[in-house]
Amino acid sequence: MKKRKTIYMSLLSHISNGEVLDGFSPTSDIYLSKNDKKHLKNLIKHLSKCPAEKVLSHFRLFVRLLEYRMDFAINNLLETTPKSSDLHVRSVISARIDNDSDARIIMDVFEWSEERNDPVFITTDIKDIYRNRDDIIRLLREYKFLEADPFSILHIRELVA
C-alpha cells in the first residue's frame, strides 16, 4: 500500500502542476508490478475521461474513498491464523527456510494443524516451501516427537493435475 500511496502522491503532484495525464510516469525508483501498471493505466484512463477542471477533484475523491475502504478493511480484520510465539519452532523452521515470511507461514500452519485432523497446506511457493517439504515435516516431527506428519504440503498444481 505504501508503494501505491507514493504513486498516488506523485500523480497528485503531476495533476496539480497542470501536466497532461498521458505523460505521467512515476519515479523510476518505484518498482511497479504488472498489477500496479494495470491499476495505474486504468486510473489514468478513468481520469482522462473527466473534464479537465474536475480531474483533480475526482482524483482526490478517489484517494479519500480508497483511504476509507482501507480503514474499514483494517478495522474489520479477523485473526485467521495464529501468531506463533514458539522461538524454538521458529529456529527449527528457519534452519531450513531462508525466507523469513515463508518460515512464519510454516510456523502458523504448524500451530493451525494442531487443531485439525489431517490438515493440508496448499502453496504456490516452490523454492522455499514445496522443495523443502519433506525436510520441513521431518524437522517438525522430530522437534515435537510426533508419530505422524503434522500436516501435508501440496503444490496447487497437484490439485488441478
N, C-alpha and C. Protein backbone atom coordinates (compact mmCIF):
# COMPACT_ATOMS: atom_id res chain seq x y z
N MET A 1 0.83 -1.19 0.00
CA MET A 1 0.00 0.00 0.00
C MET A 1 0.87 1.25 0.00
N LYS A 2 2.04 1.19 0.64
CA LYS A 2 2.92 2.35 0.67
C LYS A 2 3.37 2.72 -0.73
N LYS A 3 3.63 1.69 -1.55
CA LYS A 3 4.08 1.93 -2.91
C LYS A 3 2.99 2.67 -3.70
N ARG A 4 1.76 2.19 -3.59
CA ARG A 4 0.67 2.85 -4.32
C ARG A 4 0.43 4.26 -3.79
N LYS A 5 0.57 4.45 -2.50
CA LYS A 5 0.40 5.80 -1.94
C LYS A 5 1.44 6.74 -2.53
N THR A 6 2.68 6.25 -2.66
CA THR A 6 3.74 7.06 -3.28
C THR A 6 3.37 7.40 -4.72
N ILE A 7 2.85 6.41 -5.43
CA ILE A 7 2.44 6.64 -6.83
C ILE A 7 1.30 7.66 -6.87
N TYR A 8 0.31 7.52 -5.98
CA TYR A 8 -0.82 8.45 -5.97
C TYR A 8 -0.36 9.87 -5.66
N MET A 9 0.57 10.02 -4.72
CA MET A 9 1.06 11.35 -4.38
C MET A 9 1.82 11.96 -5.56
N SER A 10 2.56 11.12 -6.26
CA SER A 10 3.28 11.58 -7.44
C SER A 10 2.29 12.00 -8.53
N LEU A 11 1.23 11.21 -8.70
CA LEU A 11 0.19 11.55 -9.69
C LEU A 11 -0.53 12.82 -9.28
N LEU A 12 -0.81 12.98 -8.00
CA LEU A 12 -1.47 14.19 -7.50
C LEU A 12 -0.62 15.41 -7.81
N SER A 13 0.67 15.32 -7.58
CA SER A 13 1.58 16.42 -7.89
C SER A 13 1.56 16.72 -9.38
N HIS A 14 1.56 15.68 -10.19
CA HIS A 14 1.53 15.81 -11.65
C HIS A 14 0.26 16.56 -12.09
N ILE A 15 -0.89 16.14 -11.53
CA ILE A 15 -2.17 16.78 -11.88
C ILE A 15 -2.20 18.21 -11.37
N SER A 16 -1.74 18.43 -10.14
CA SER A 16 -1.75 19.77 -9.54
C SER A 16 -0.91 20.76 -10.33
N ASN A 17 0.15 20.27 -10.97
CA ASN A 17 1.00 21.14 -11.79
C ASN A 17 0.42 21.38 -13.17
N GLY A 18 -0.77 20.83 -13.43
CA GLY A 18 -1.43 21.05 -14.71
C GLY A 18 -0.82 20.26 -15.86
N GLU A 19 -0.06 19.24 -15.54
CA GLU A 19 0.57 18.45 -16.59
C GLU A 19 -0.42 17.44 -17.18
N VAL A 20 -0.15 17.01 -18.40
CA VAL A 20 -1.02 16.08 -19.12
C VAL A 20 -0.94 14.70 -18.48
N LEU A 21 -2.10 14.07 -18.30
CA LEU A 21 -2.14 12.75 -17.66
C LEU A 21 -1.39 11.69 -18.45
N ASP A 22 -1.51 11.73 -19.77
CA ASP A 22 -0.85 10.71 -20.60
C ASP A 22 0.66 10.74 -20.43
N GLY A 23 1.20 11.85 -20.01
CA GLY A 23 2.64 11.96 -19.85
C GLY A 23 3.13 11.53 -18.48
N PHE A 24 2.21 11.06 -17.62
CA PHE A 24 2.62 10.68 -16.26
C PHE A 24 3.41 9.39 -16.25
N SER A 25 4.52 9.43 -15.53
CA SER A 25 5.33 8.24 -15.29
C SER A 25 5.89 8.37 -13.88
N PRO A 26 5.58 7.41 -13.00
CA PRO A 26 6.10 7.51 -11.64
C PRO A 26 7.61 7.41 -11.63
N THR A 27 8.21 7.81 -10.53
CA THR A 27 9.66 7.80 -10.43
C THR A 27 10.20 6.41 -10.72
N SER A 28 11.35 6.35 -11.28
CA SER A 28 11.94 5.06 -11.67
C SER A 28 12.41 4.25 -10.47
N ASP A 29 12.50 4.86 -9.29
CA ASP A 29 12.95 4.10 -8.12
C ASP A 29 11.83 3.29 -7.47
N ILE A 30 10.62 3.37 -8.04
CA ILE A 30 9.49 2.58 -7.55
C ILE A 30 9.28 1.41 -8.51
N TYR A 31 9.38 0.19 -7.99
CA TYR A 31 9.13 -0.98 -8.82
C TYR A 31 7.62 -1.15 -8.99
N LEU A 32 7.18 -1.24 -10.22
CA LEU A 32 5.76 -1.46 -10.50
C LEU A 32 5.56 -2.88 -11.02
N SER A 33 4.73 -3.63 -10.31
CA SER A 33 4.38 -4.97 -10.78
C SER A 33 3.41 -4.83 -11.95
N LYS A 34 3.12 -5.94 -12.59
CA LYS A 34 2.18 -5.92 -13.70
C LYS A 34 0.81 -5.42 -13.21
N ASN A 35 0.43 -5.83 -12.01
CA ASN A 35 -0.83 -5.42 -11.43
C ASN A 35 -0.84 -3.91 -11.15
N ASP A 36 0.27 -3.38 -10.63
CA ASP A 36 0.37 -1.93 -10.37
C ASP A 36 0.24 -1.14 -11.67
N LYS A 37 0.92 -1.62 -12.71
CA LYS A 37 0.87 -0.93 -14.00
C LYS A 37 -0.54 -0.91 -14.57
N LYS A 38 -1.23 -2.04 -14.47
CA LYS A 38 -2.61 -2.13 -14.97
C LYS A 38 -3.52 -1.20 -14.17
N HIS A 39 -3.36 -1.20 -12.85
CA HIS A 39 -4.16 -0.32 -11.99
C HIS A 39 -3.92 1.15 -12.35
N LEU A 40 -2.66 1.53 -12.50
CA LEU A 40 -2.33 2.91 -12.84
C LEU A 40 -2.88 3.28 -14.20
N LYS A 41 -2.76 2.39 -15.16
CA LYS A 41 -3.29 2.64 -16.51
C LYS A 41 -4.80 2.85 -16.46
N ASN A 42 -5.51 2.00 -15.71
CA ASN A 42 -6.97 2.14 -15.59
C ASN A 42 -7.36 3.43 -14.88
N LEU A 43 -6.60 3.81 -13.85
CA LEU A 43 -6.87 5.04 -13.13
C LEU A 43 -6.68 6.25 -14.04
N ILE A 44 -5.59 6.27 -14.78
CA ILE A 44 -5.32 7.39 -15.70
C ILE A 44 -6.39 7.42 -16.80
N LYS A 45 -6.78 6.26 -17.29
CA LYS A 45 -7.83 6.19 -18.32
C LYS A 45 -9.13 6.79 -17.79
N HIS A 46 -9.49 6.43 -16.54
CA HIS A 46 -10.70 6.97 -15.93
C HIS A 46 -10.59 8.49 -15.75
N LEU A 47 -9.46 8.95 -15.23
CA LEU A 47 -9.29 10.39 -15.00
C LEU A 47 -9.25 11.17 -16.31
N SER A 48 -8.76 10.55 -17.37
CA SER A 48 -8.69 11.22 -18.68
C SER A 48 -10.07 11.50 -19.24
N LYS A 49 -11.06 10.73 -18.82
CA LYS A 49 -12.43 10.92 -19.30
C LYS A 49 -13.13 12.07 -18.58
N CYS A 50 -12.56 12.52 -17.47
CA CYS A 50 -13.16 13.61 -16.69
C CYS A 50 -12.84 14.94 -17.36
N PRO A 51 -13.75 15.92 -17.21
CA PRO A 51 -13.43 17.26 -17.70
C PRO A 51 -12.16 17.77 -17.00
N ALA A 52 -11.33 18.49 -17.72
CA ALA A 52 -10.03 18.94 -17.20
C ALA A 52 -10.14 19.63 -15.85
N GLU A 53 -11.17 20.45 -15.67
CA GLU A 53 -11.30 21.20 -14.42
C GLU A 53 -11.75 20.31 -13.25
N LYS A 54 -12.18 19.09 -13.54
CA LYS A 54 -12.66 18.20 -12.48
C LYS A 54 -11.71 17.04 -12.18
N VAL A 55 -10.62 16.92 -12.93
CA VAL A 55 -9.70 15.80 -12.75
C VAL A 55 -9.15 15.76 -11.33
N LEU A 56 -8.70 16.91 -10.84
CA LEU A 56 -8.10 16.97 -9.51
C LEU A 56 -9.12 16.58 -8.43
N SER A 57 -10.34 17.10 -8.53
CA SER A 57 -11.34 16.76 -7.51
C SER A 57 -11.74 15.28 -7.60
N HIS A 58 -11.82 14.72 -8.81
CA HIS A 58 -12.12 13.29 -8.96
C HIS A 58 -11.01 12.44 -8.34
N PHE A 59 -9.79 12.85 -8.58
CA PHE A 59 -8.66 12.08 -8.04
C PHE A 59 -8.63 12.16 -6.52
N ARG A 60 -8.86 13.34 -5.97
CA ARG A 60 -8.89 13.49 -4.51
C ARG A 60 -10.02 12.65 -3.91
N LEU A 61 -11.17 12.61 -4.58
CA LEU A 61 -12.28 11.78 -4.12
C LEU A 61 -11.88 10.30 -4.15
N PHE A 62 -11.20 9.89 -5.21
CA PHE A 62 -10.71 8.51 -5.32
C PHE A 62 -9.81 8.17 -4.14
N VAL A 63 -8.86 9.05 -3.83
CA VAL A 63 -7.92 8.81 -2.73
C VAL A 63 -8.67 8.74 -1.40
N ARG A 64 -9.63 9.64 -1.17
CA ARG A 64 -10.41 9.61 0.08
C ARG A 64 -11.20 8.31 0.21
N LEU A 65 -11.84 7.89 -0.89
CA LEU A 65 -12.60 6.64 -0.86
C LEU A 65 -11.69 5.45 -0.61
N LEU A 66 -10.52 5.47 -1.21
CA LEU A 66 -9.55 4.40 -1.00
C LEU A 66 -9.11 4.35 0.46
N GLU A 67 -8.81 5.51 1.04
CA GLU A 67 -8.41 5.56 2.45
C GLU A 67 -9.53 5.05 3.35
N TYR A 68 -10.77 5.42 3.03
CA TYR A 68 -11.92 4.96 3.80
C TYR A 68 -12.04 3.44 3.73
N ARG A 69 -11.91 2.89 2.52
CA ARG A 69 -12.02 1.44 2.35
C ARG A 69 -10.89 0.71 3.07
N MET A 70 -9.68 1.27 3.04
CA MET A 70 -8.55 0.65 3.74
C MET A 70 -8.79 0.66 5.25
N ASP A 71 -9.22 1.80 5.78
CA ASP A 71 -9.51 1.89 7.21
C ASP A 71 -10.59 0.89 7.61
N PHE A 72 -11.64 0.80 6.80
CA PHE A 72 -12.73 -0.13 7.07
C PHE A 72 -12.22 -1.57 7.08
N ALA A 73 -11.42 -1.92 6.08
CA ALA A 73 -10.89 -3.29 5.99
C ALA A 73 -9.99 -3.60 7.18
N ILE A 74 -9.10 -2.68 7.52
CA ILE A 74 -8.17 -2.90 8.63
C ILE A 74 -8.93 -3.04 9.95
N ASN A 75 -9.94 -2.21 10.15
CA ASN A 75 -10.70 -2.25 11.40
C ASN A 75 -11.60 -3.47 11.51
N ASN A 76 -11.86 -4.16 10.39
CA ASN A 76 -12.75 -5.31 10.41
C ASN A 76 -12.03 -6.63 10.14
N LEU A 77 -10.71 -6.61 10.20
CA LEU A 77 -9.96 -7.85 10.00
C LEU A 77 -10.17 -8.79 11.17
N LEU A 78 -10.30 -10.04 10.85
CA LEU A 78 -10.40 -11.07 11.88
C LEU A 78 -9.10 -11.85 11.86
N GLU A 79 -8.66 -12.26 13.02
CA GLU A 79 -7.44 -13.06 13.10
C GLU A 79 -7.78 -14.47 12.63
N THR A 80 -7.19 -14.89 11.52
CA THR A 80 -7.49 -16.22 10.98
C THR A 80 -6.34 -17.19 11.16
N THR A 81 -5.17 -16.68 11.46
CA THR A 81 -4.04 -17.57 11.68
C THR A 81 -3.40 -17.22 13.02
N PRO A 82 -2.86 -18.21 13.67
CA PRO A 82 -2.21 -17.93 14.95
C PRO A 82 -0.91 -17.17 14.76
N LYS A 83 -0.52 -16.49 15.77
CA LYS A 83 0.79 -15.83 15.76
C LYS A 83 1.72 -16.71 16.58
N SER A 84 2.58 -17.43 15.89
CA SER A 84 3.45 -18.38 16.57
C SER A 84 4.43 -17.64 17.48
N SER A 85 4.50 -18.13 18.69
CA SER A 85 5.40 -17.49 19.65
C SER A 85 6.50 -18.45 20.11
N ASP A 86 6.49 -19.67 19.60
CA ASP A 86 7.48 -20.67 20.00
C ASP A 86 8.79 -20.38 19.27
N LEU A 87 9.74 -19.80 20.00
CA LEU A 87 11.01 -19.40 19.38
C LEU A 87 11.81 -20.60 18.89
N HIS A 88 11.68 -21.73 19.57
CA HIS A 88 12.42 -22.91 19.13
C HIS A 88 11.88 -23.43 17.79
N VAL A 89 10.55 -23.44 17.64
CA VAL A 89 9.96 -23.83 16.35
C VAL A 89 10.47 -22.89 15.26
N ARG A 90 10.52 -21.62 15.60
CA ARG A 90 11.00 -20.63 14.62
C ARG A 90 12.43 -20.96 14.19
N SER A 91 13.29 -21.29 15.13
CA SER A 91 14.68 -21.59 14.77
C SER A 91 14.78 -22.90 13.99
N VAL A 92 13.94 -23.87 14.33
CA VAL A 92 13.92 -25.15 13.60
C VAL A 92 13.53 -24.91 12.14
N ILE A 93 12.48 -24.14 11.94
CA ILE A 93 12.00 -23.87 10.57
C ILE A 93 12.96 -22.96 9.83
N SER A 94 13.45 -21.94 10.50
CA SER A 94 14.38 -21.00 9.85
C SER A 94 15.68 -21.68 9.43
N ALA A 95 16.02 -22.79 10.08
CA ALA A 95 17.22 -23.53 9.70
C ALA A 95 17.06 -24.15 8.31
N ARG A 96 15.83 -24.37 7.89
CA ARG A 96 15.57 -24.99 6.59
C ARG A 96 15.06 -24.00 5.56
N ILE A 97 14.37 -22.95 6.00
CA ILE A 97 13.80 -21.95 5.08
C ILE A 97 14.46 -20.61 5.34
N ASP A 98 15.14 -20.10 4.32
CA ASP A 98 15.83 -18.81 4.47
C ASP A 98 14.88 -17.63 4.45
N ASN A 99 13.80 -17.73 3.71
CA ASN A 99 12.84 -16.64 3.56
C ASN A 99 12.01 -16.52 4.84
N ASP A 100 12.16 -15.40 5.55
CA ASP A 100 11.50 -15.22 6.85
C ASP A 100 9.98 -15.26 6.74
N SER A 101 9.43 -14.68 5.68
CA SER A 101 7.97 -14.69 5.50
C SER A 101 7.45 -16.11 5.35
N ASP A 102 8.14 -16.91 4.53
CA ASP A 102 7.73 -18.30 4.34
C ASP A 102 7.89 -19.10 5.63
N ALA A 103 8.94 -18.82 6.39
CA ALA A 103 9.15 -19.51 7.67
C ALA A 103 8.01 -19.20 8.63
N ARG A 104 7.57 -17.94 8.67
CA ARG A 104 6.45 -17.56 9.54
C ARG A 104 5.16 -18.26 9.11
N ILE A 105 4.97 -18.39 7.80
CA ILE A 105 3.78 -19.08 7.30
C ILE A 105 3.78 -20.53 7.78
N ILE A 106 4.92 -21.20 7.65
CA ILE A 106 5.02 -22.60 8.09
C ILE A 106 4.80 -22.70 9.60
N MET A 107 5.29 -21.73 10.37
CA MET A 107 5.06 -21.73 11.82
C MET A 107 3.56 -21.64 12.11
N ASP A 108 2.87 -20.75 11.40
CA ASP A 108 1.43 -20.61 11.60
C ASP A 108 0.69 -21.88 11.18
N VAL A 109 1.10 -22.47 10.06
CA VAL A 109 0.48 -23.72 9.60
C VAL A 109 0.67 -24.81 10.66
N PHE A 110 1.86 -24.87 11.22
CA PHE A 110 2.14 -25.88 12.25
C PHE A 110 1.21 -25.72 13.45
N GLU A 111 1.05 -24.50 13.92
CA GLU A 111 0.14 -24.27 15.06
C GLU A 111 -1.31 -24.54 14.67
N TRP A 112 -1.68 -24.11 13.48
CA TRP A 112 -3.04 -24.34 12.98
C TRP A 112 -3.32 -25.83 12.87
N SER A 113 -2.33 -26.60 12.44
CA SER A 113 -2.51 -28.04 12.21
C SER A 113 -2.78 -28.81 13.50
N GLU A 114 -2.37 -28.27 14.63
CA GLU A 114 -2.58 -28.96 15.90
C GLU A 114 -4.06 -29.04 16.27
N GLU A 115 -4.88 -28.21 15.66
CA GLU A 115 -6.31 -28.17 15.96
C GLU A 115 -7.15 -28.89 14.91
N ARG A 116 -6.53 -29.55 13.93
CA ARG A 116 -7.25 -30.15 12.82
C ARG A 116 -6.86 -31.61 12.62
N ASN A 117 -7.73 -32.35 11.94
CA ASN A 117 -7.43 -33.72 11.55
C ASN A 117 -6.96 -33.74 10.10
N ASP A 118 -5.83 -34.35 9.86
CA ASP A 118 -5.26 -34.48 8.51
C ASP A 118 -5.21 -33.15 7.75
N PRO A 119 -4.61 -32.13 8.33
CA PRO A 119 -4.56 -30.83 7.64
C PRO A 119 -3.65 -30.87 6.42
N VAL A 120 -4.04 -30.09 5.43
CA VAL A 120 -3.26 -29.98 4.19
C VAL A 120 -2.98 -28.51 3.95
N PHE A 121 -1.72 -28.19 3.73
CA PHE A 121 -1.31 -26.83 3.40
C PHE A 121 -1.03 -26.79 1.90
N ILE A 122 -1.69 -25.90 1.20
CA ILE A 122 -1.53 -25.77 -0.25
C ILE A 122 -0.75 -24.50 -0.51
N THR A 123 0.30 -24.62 -1.32
CA THR A 123 1.18 -23.48 -1.58
C THR A 123 1.41 -23.29 -3.07
N THR A 124 1.79 -22.09 -3.43
CA THR A 124 2.26 -21.81 -4.79
C THR A 124 3.77 -21.63 -4.78
N ASP A 125 4.34 -21.59 -3.58
CA ASP A 125 5.78 -21.39 -3.42
C ASP A 125 6.52 -22.70 -3.69
N ILE A 126 7.40 -22.68 -4.64
CA ILE A 126 8.18 -23.89 -4.95
C ILE A 126 9.52 -23.83 -4.25
N LYS A 127 10.20 -22.71 -4.36
CA LYS A 127 11.60 -22.57 -3.92
C LYS A 127 11.81 -22.88 -2.44
N ASP A 128 11.08 -22.23 -1.57
CA ASP A 128 11.35 -22.36 -0.14
C ASP A 128 10.51 -23.42 0.55
N ILE A 129 9.26 -23.54 0.16
CA ILE A 129 8.37 -24.44 0.89
C ILE A 129 8.25 -25.81 0.21
N TYR A 130 7.80 -25.83 -1.03
CA TYR A 130 7.48 -27.12 -1.67
C TYR A 130 8.72 -28.01 -1.83
N ARG A 131 9.81 -27.45 -2.30
CA ARG A 131 11.02 -28.26 -2.49
C ARG A 131 11.57 -28.80 -1.17
N ASN A 132 11.31 -28.10 -0.09
CA ASN A 132 11.84 -28.50 1.23
C ASN A 132 10.79 -29.18 2.10
N ARG A 133 9.65 -29.53 1.52
CA ARG A 133 8.53 -30.04 2.32
C ARG A 133 8.90 -31.26 3.16
N ASP A 134 9.64 -32.20 2.60
CA ASP A 134 9.99 -33.40 3.37
C ASP A 134 10.88 -33.06 4.56
N ASP A 135 11.85 -32.18 4.34
CA ASP A 135 12.74 -31.76 5.43
C ASP A 135 11.97 -30.97 6.50
N ILE A 136 11.07 -30.11 6.05
CA ILE A 136 10.27 -29.31 7.00
C ILE A 136 9.45 -30.23 7.89
N ILE A 137 8.74 -31.16 7.27
CA ILE A 137 7.89 -32.08 8.03
C ILE A 137 8.74 -32.93 8.97
N ARG A 138 9.88 -33.44 8.49
CA ARG A 138 10.76 -34.26 9.32
C ARG A 138 11.25 -33.47 10.53
N LEU A 139 11.68 -32.23 10.30
CA LEU A 139 12.17 -31.40 11.41
C LEU A 139 11.08 -31.15 12.46
N LEU A 140 9.87 -30.87 12.00
CA LEU A 140 8.78 -30.63 12.94
C LEU A 140 8.40 -31.90 13.69
N ARG A 141 8.41 -33.03 13.01
CA ARG A 141 8.11 -34.31 13.69
C ARG A 141 9.15 -34.59 14.77
N GLU A 142 10.42 -34.38 14.43
CA GLU A 142 11.49 -34.63 15.40
C GLU A 142 11.40 -33.66 16.57
N TYR A 143 11.09 -32.41 16.28
CA TYR A 143 11.01 -31.40 17.34
C TYR A 143 9.91 -31.73 18.35
N LYS A 144 8.74 -32.15 17.85
CA LYS A 144 7.60 -32.42 18.72
C LYS A 144 7.43 -33.91 19.05
N PHE A 145 8.37 -34.75 18.60
CA PHE A 145 8.30 -36.19 18.83
C PHE A 145 6.96 -36.76 18.35
N LEU A 146 6.58 -36.38 17.14
CA LEU A 146 5.30 -36.82 16.58
C LEU A 146 5.46 -38.14 15.83
N GLU A 147 4.45 -38.98 15.93
CA GLU A 147 4.46 -40.24 15.18
C GLU A 147 4.02 -40.02 13.74
N ALA A 148 3.09 -39.11 13.54
CA ALA A 148 2.57 -38.84 12.20
C ALA A 148 2.96 -37.43 11.77
N ASP A 149 2.88 -37.19 10.48
CA ASP A 149 3.17 -35.85 9.96
C ASP A 149 2.15 -34.86 10.52
N PRO A 150 2.60 -33.67 10.94
CA PRO A 150 1.66 -32.69 11.49
C PRO A 150 0.69 -32.15 10.43
N PHE A 151 1.13 -32.11 9.18
CA PHE A 151 0.31 -31.66 8.06
C PHE A 151 0.98 -32.10 6.77
N SER A 152 0.25 -31.99 5.69
CA SER A 152 0.80 -32.28 4.36
C SER A 152 1.01 -30.98 3.63
N ILE A 153 2.01 -30.96 2.77
CA ILE A 153 2.26 -29.78 1.94
C ILE A 153 2.07 -30.20 0.49
N LEU A 154 1.14 -29.54 -0.18
CA LEU A 154 0.88 -29.79 -1.60
C LEU A 154 1.11 -28.51 -2.39
N HIS A 155 1.53 -28.68 -3.62
CA HIS A 155 1.60 -27.53 -4.52
C HIS A 155 0.25 -27.43 -5.21
N ILE A 156 -0.18 -26.24 -5.51
CA ILE A 156 -1.50 -26.03 -6.09
C ILE A 156 -1.69 -26.82 -7.39
N ARG A 157 -0.60 -27.03 -8.13
CA ARG A 157 -0.71 -27.80 -9.38
C ARG A 157 -1.13 -29.24 -9.13
N GLU A 158 -0.84 -29.76 -7.95
CA GLU A 158 -1.24 -31.13 -7.63
C GLU A 158 -2.76 -31.26 -7.52
N LEU A 159 -3.43 -30.16 -7.27
CA LEU A 159 -4.89 -30.19 -7.14
C LEU A 159 -5.58 -30.15 -8.49
N VAL A 160 -4.93 -29.55 -9.46
CA VAL A 160 -5.55 -29.39 -10.78
C VAL A 160 -5.00 -30.35 -11.81
N ALA A 161 -4.05 -31.18 -11.42
CA ALA A 161 -3.44 -32.12 -12.37
C ALA A 161 -4.32 -33.32 -12.61
